[in-house]
Each structure stands twice: as C-alpha cells, then as structure tokens.
C-alpha atoms as a PDB file:
ATOM      1  CA  MET A   1     139.488 117.405  99.443  1.00  0.00           C
ATOM      2  CA  ALA A   2     136.321 115.246  98.518  1.00  0.00           C
ATOM      3  CA  ILE A   3     136.328 112.479  96.955  1.00  0.00           C
ATOM      4  CA  ASP A   4     134.176 111.627  94.110  1.00  0.00           C
ATOM      5  CA  LEU A   5     132.488 108.449  94.769  1.00  0.00           C
ATOM      6  CA  SER A   6     130.854 107.704  91.395  1.00  0.00           C
ATOM      7  CA  GLN A   7     134.257 106.202  90.551  1.00  0.00           C
ATOM      8  CA  PHE A   8     133.166 103.173  93.392  1.00  0.00           C
ATOM      9  CA  GLN A   9     129.640 102.586  91.736  1.00  0.00           C
ATOM     10  CA  ASP A  10     129.723  99.908  89.507  1.00  0.00           C
ATOM     11  CA  VAL A  11     131.585  98.074  92.001  1.00  0.00           C
ATOM     12  CA  PHE A  12     129.150  98.947  94.666  1.00  0.00           C
ATOM     13  CA  TYR A  13     126.157  97.465  91.986  1.00  0.00           C
ATOM     14  CA  GLU A  14     127.982  94.816  91.175  1.00  0.00           C
ATOM     15  CA  GLU A  15     128.973  93.061  94.652  1.00  0.00           C
ATOM     16  CA  SER A  16     125.149  94.171  96.211  1.00  0.00           C
ATOM     17  CA  THR A  17     123.735  92.665  93.502  1.00  0.00           C
ATOM     18  CA  GLN A  18     125.099  89.545  94.144  1.00  0.00           C
ATOM     19  CA  GLN A  19     125.620  89.721  97.839  1.00  0.00           C
ATOM     20  CA  LEU A  20     121.703  89.969  97.144  1.00  0.00           C
ATOM     21  CA  ALA A  21     121.381  87.306  94.855  1.00  0.00           C
ATOM     22  CA  ASP A  22     123.874  85.764  97.515  1.00  0.00           C
ATOM     23  CA  MET A  23     121.284  85.851 100.673  1.00  0.00           C
ATOM     24  CA  THR A  24     118.218  84.983  98.914  1.00  0.00           C
ATOM     25  CA  ALA A  25     119.960  81.532  97.814  1.00  0.00           C
ATOM     26  CA  LEU A  26     121.032  81.531 101.658  1.00  0.00           C
ATOM     27  CA  LEU A  27     117.350  82.027 102.640  1.00  0.00           C
ATOM     28  CA  ARG A  28     115.427  79.684  99.816  1.00  0.00           C
ATOM     29  CA  GLN A  29     117.763  76.793 101.384  1.00  0.00           C
ATOM     30  CA  PHE A  30     117.950  77.824 104.904  1.00  0.00           C
ATOM     31  CA  ASP A  31     115.703  74.734 106.867  1.00  0.00           C
ATOM     32  CA  LEU A  32     113.321  76.336 109.488  1.00  0.00           C
ATOM     33  CA  ALA A  33     112.579  72.603 110.764  1.00  0.00           C
ATOM     34  CA  ALA A  34     116.596  72.197 111.645  1.00  0.00           C
ATOM     35  CA  PRO A  35     118.228  73.123 115.248  1.00  0.00           C
ATOM     36  CA  PRO A  36     119.547  76.704 114.497  1.00  0.00           C
ATOM     37  CA  ALA A  37     122.736  75.888 116.007  1.00  0.00           C
ATOM     38  CA  SER A  38     122.736  73.759 112.770  1.00  0.00           C
ATOM     39  CA  GLN A  39     122.015  76.885 110.416  1.00  0.00           C
ATOM     40  CA  ILE A  40     124.869  79.406 112.194  1.00  0.00           C
ATOM     41  CA  ASP A  41     126.592  80.226 108.991  1.00  0.00           C
ATOM     42  CA  LYS A  42     124.253  80.588 106.746  1.00  0.00           C
ATOM     43  CA  VAL A  43     122.575  83.412 109.158  1.00  0.00           C
ATOM     44  CA  ASP A  44     126.097  84.201 109.772  1.00  0.00           C
ATOM     45  CA  SER A  45     126.553  85.226 105.717  1.00  0.00           C
ATOM     46  CA  MET A  46     123.439  86.598 105.368  1.00  0.00           C
ATOM     47  CA  PHE A  47     123.902  89.017 108.505  1.00  0.00           C
ATOM     48  CA  SER A  48     127.465  89.694 106.742  1.00  0.00           C
ATOM     49  CA  VAL A  49     125.546  90.383 103.350  1.00  0.00           C
ATOM     50  CA  ALA A  50     123.230  92.873 105.171  1.00  0.00           C
ATOM     51  CA  HIS A  51     125.932  95.013 107.369  1.00  0.00           C
ATOM     52  CA  SER A  52     128.040  94.765 103.952  1.00  0.00           C
ATOM     53  CA  VAL A  53     125.015  96.511 102.101  1.00  0.00           C
ATOM     54  CA  ASN A  54     124.245  98.446 104.961  1.00  0.00           C
ATOM     55  CA  GLY A  55     127.366 100.524 105.319  1.00  0.00           C
ATOM     56  CA  ASN A  56     127.858 100.531 101.156  1.00  0.00           C
ATOM     57  CA  ALA A  57     124.709 101.827 101.142  1.00  0.00           C
ATOM     58  CA  ALA A  58     125.453 104.989 103.616  1.00  0.00           C
ATOM     59  CA  ILE A  59     128.404 105.991 102.311  1.00  0.00           C
ATOM     60  CA  PHE A  60     126.388 106.761  98.777  1.00  0.00           C
ATOM     61  CA  GLY A  61     124.045 108.354 100.649  1.00  0.00           C
ATOM     62  CA  PHE A  62     121.068 105.789  99.808  1.00  0.00           C
ATOM     63  CA  GLU A  63     118.917 106.399 102.767  1.00  0.00           C
ATOM     64  CA  ASP A  64     115.767 103.945 101.600  1.00  0.00           C
ATOM     65  CA  MET A  65     118.093 101.588 101.166  1.00  0.00           C
ATOM     66  CA  VAL A  66     119.708 101.923 104.349  1.00  0.00           C
ATOM     67  CA  THR A  67     116.263 102.208 106.563  1.00  0.00           C
ATOM     68  CA  VAL A  68     115.563  98.784 104.569  1.00  0.00           C
ATOM     69  CA  VAL A  69     118.512  96.698 105.544  1.00  0.00           C
ATOM     70  CA  GLY A  70     119.195  98.163 108.736  1.00  0.00           C
ATOM     71  CA  GLN A  71     116.149  96.377 109.605  1.00  0.00           C
ATOM     72  CA  ALA A  72     116.891  93.161 107.877  1.00  0.00           C
ATOM     73  CA  GLU A  73     120.616  93.434 109.463  1.00  0.00           C
ATOM     74  CA  ALA A  74     118.343  93.641 113.050  1.00  0.00           C
ATOM     75  CA  LEU A  75     116.287  90.777 112.448  1.00  0.00           C
ATOM     76  CA  LEU A  76     119.123  88.888 111.253  1.00  0.00           C
ATOM     77  CA  ASP A  77     121.375  89.654 114.258  1.00  0.00           C
ATOM     78  CA  GLY A  78     118.338  88.576 116.760  1.00  0.00           C
ATOM     79  CA  VAL A  79     118.613  85.123 114.415  1.00  0.00           C
ATOM     80  CA  ARG A  80     122.087  85.371 114.583  1.00  0.00           C
ATOM     81  CA  LYS A  81     122.991  85.852 118.737  1.00  0.00           C
ATOM     82  CA  GLY A  82     119.888  83.227 119.732  1.00  0.00           C
ATOM     83  CA  ASP A  83     117.245  85.619 120.085  1.00  0.00           C
ATOM     84  CA  VAL A  84     114.811  84.361 118.159  1.00  0.00           C
ATOM     85  CA  GLN A  85     114.287  81.714 115.602  1.00  0.00           C
ATOM     86  CA  LEU A  86     114.240  82.281 111.833  1.00  0.00           C
ATOM     87  CA  ASN A  87     110.719  81.486 110.691  1.00  0.00           C
ATOM     88  CA  GLU A  88     108.669  81.305 107.590  1.00  0.00           C
ATOM     89  CA  GLU A  89     107.286  85.160 108.594  1.00  0.00           C
ATOM     90  CA  MET A  90     110.875  86.033 108.848  1.00  0.00           C
ATOM     91  CA  ARG A  91     111.737  84.254 105.975  1.00  0.00           C
ATOM     92  CA  ASN A  92     109.676  85.602 103.353  1.00  0.00           C
ATOM     93  CA  ALA A  93     109.763  89.137 104.967  1.00  0.00           C
ATOM     94  CA  LEU A  94     113.777  89.173 104.243  1.00  0.00           C
ATOM     95  CA  LEU A  95     112.973  87.765 100.211  1.00  0.00           C
ATOM     96  CA  HIS A  96     110.776  90.126  99.998  1.00  0.00           C
ATOM     97  CA  ALA A  97     113.449  93.177 101.410  1.00  0.00           C
ATOM     98  CA  GLY A  98     115.979  91.854  99.127  1.00  0.00           C
ATOM     99  CA  LEU A  99     113.884  92.100  95.905  1.00  0.00           C
ATOM    100  CA  VAL A 100     113.157  95.865  97.311  1.00  0.00           C
ATOM    101  CA  LEU A 101     116.386  96.743  98.115  1.00  0.00           C
ATOM    102  CA  GLN A 102     118.009  95.250  94.420  1.00  0.00           C
ATOM    103  CA  THR A 103     115.061  97.482  92.770  1.00  0.00           C
ATOM    104  CA  LEU A 104     116.756 100.501  94.623  1.00  0.00           C
ATOM    105  CA  LEU A 105     119.804  99.666  94.456  1.00  0.00           C
ATOM    106  CA  ALA A 106     119.190  99.137  90.776  1.00  0.00           C
ATOM    107  CA  ALA A 107     117.286 102.909  90.546  1.00  0.00           C
ATOM    108  CA  HIS A 108     119.820 105.165  92.048  1.00  0.00           C
ATOM    109  CA  LEU A 109     122.985 103.492  90.021  1.00  0.00           C
ATOM    110  CA  GLY A 110     120.380 103.501  86.667  1.00  0.00           C
ATOM    111  CA  LYS A 111     121.379  99.960  86.037  1.00  0.00           C
ATOM    112  CA  GLY A 112     119.563  97.587  83.532  1.00  0.00           C
ATOM    113  CA  ALA A 113     116.082  98.295  82.810  1.00  0.00           C
ATOM    114  CA  VAL A 114     115.291 100.023  86.287  1.00  0.00           C
ATOM    115  CA  ARG A 115     111.526  98.921  87.732  1.00  0.00           C
ATOM    116  CA  LEU A 116     109.813 101.853  88.804  1.00  0.00           C
ATOM    117  CA  VAL A 117     110.440 102.078  92.331  1.00  0.00           C
ATOM    118  CA  ASP A 118     106.900 101.580  94.597  1.00  0.00           C
ATOM    119  CA  ASN A 119     107.633 103.443  97.559  1.00  0.00           C
ATOM    120  CA  ASP A 120     104.661 102.250  99.434  1.00  0.00           C
ATOM    121  CA  ASP A 121     106.399  98.535  98.437  1.00  0.00           C
ATOM    122  CA  VAL A 122     109.508 100.166 100.046  1.00  0.00           C
ATOM    123  CA  THR A 123     107.550 101.710 103.039  1.00  0.00           C
ATOM    124  CA  ARG A 124     105.147  98.775 103.664  1.00  0.00           C
ATOM    125  CA  VAL A 125     108.616  95.699 103.688  1.00  0.00           C
ATOM    126  CA  ASN A 126     110.245  98.208 105.620  1.00  0.00           C
ATOM    127  CA  ALA A 127     107.176  98.635 108.405  1.00  0.00           C
ATOM    128  CA  HIS A 128     106.642  94.409 108.591  1.00  0.00           C
ATOM    129  CA  LEU A 129     110.728  93.920 109.374  1.00  0.00           C
ATOM    130  CA  LYS A 130     111.138  96.604 112.054  1.00  0.00           C
ATOM    131  CA  GLN A 131     107.194  95.179 113.409  1.00  0.00           C
ATOM    132  CA  LEU A 132     109.575  91.415 113.702  1.00  0.00           C
ATOM    133  CA  VAL A 133     112.689  93.359 115.147  1.00  0.00           C
ATOM    134  CA  GLY A 134     110.224  94.641 117.682  1.00  0.00           C
ATOM    135  CA  LEU A 135     109.315  90.979 118.459  1.00  0.00           C
ATOM    136  CA  ILE A 136     112.978  90.527 119.104  1.00  0.00           C
ATOM    137  CA  ASN A 137     113.301  93.763 121.231  1.00  0.00           C
ATOM    138  CA  ARG A 138     110.797  92.529 123.560  1.00  0.00           C
ATOM    139  CA  LYS A 139     111.786  89.296 124.399  1.00  0.00           C
END
C-alpha cells in the first residue's frame, strides 16, 4: 500500500522553511572568536536542522536538496565533534547553502514567488561544502 506524501508537503514546507530561517539566525549570531565549547548549543541546533531537513527531503525524493544539505550536515557534524572550528568561510558557505535550500524547497513544492533554481549555483555551493568537509576528513 503506497502512502500519498502530498498530504504532508505543506507541513514539510512550513517546518523546513522555519528551521532553515532558524539556522540562518544561529549562523549570524555565532561568535567565531568565542571558545568552541561556549557555542556548542548553537552547533547542535544547526546540526539538528540539517539532519531533519536532510531526512525529510529524502522522504520526498528531493535529491538535489539531499545532496546540498548532506554536505552541510557533514560539515556541522565535524564542528560538533570538535574536528574543526567554524570559521568565516564555513559560515558563509552554510549561509549560501541555506539560501539555495530555501529556493529548492520552494521550487519543488511550488510555493510563493519561486525564483528560478540556478543549477550552477546548486553545484557551486555543493562543491564548496564538499571541499570544506574534505578538509575535515584529511585531519
């Protein structure tokens, strides 16, 4: 018996939009100069958002979102585990990823004034996040 996921799309859109907005606010509030331990609650919250959006996007089959948010999740996991300290480049990459994810989400679900998805932008942000994750994995 197949489940009609369309009944959950509005909830997915509303929750993901709010979660991505929350993550953006946390990134902007993040004090890069503060000791990492003092920022762990923010990192945990951002990781939780990425993990949730990733899982939900996968359920709906939004592979472009899964690819981008999966890299963001991996980067935040490295920060969360203390493998790397969040820096300005990482913050900017995550902010950019958030904008791309919001655009992809709106495009997939036909919400609001949908800006055309720039596939090159999706590729660029994904490659940048992947590069940053790769730096963590080499340590």
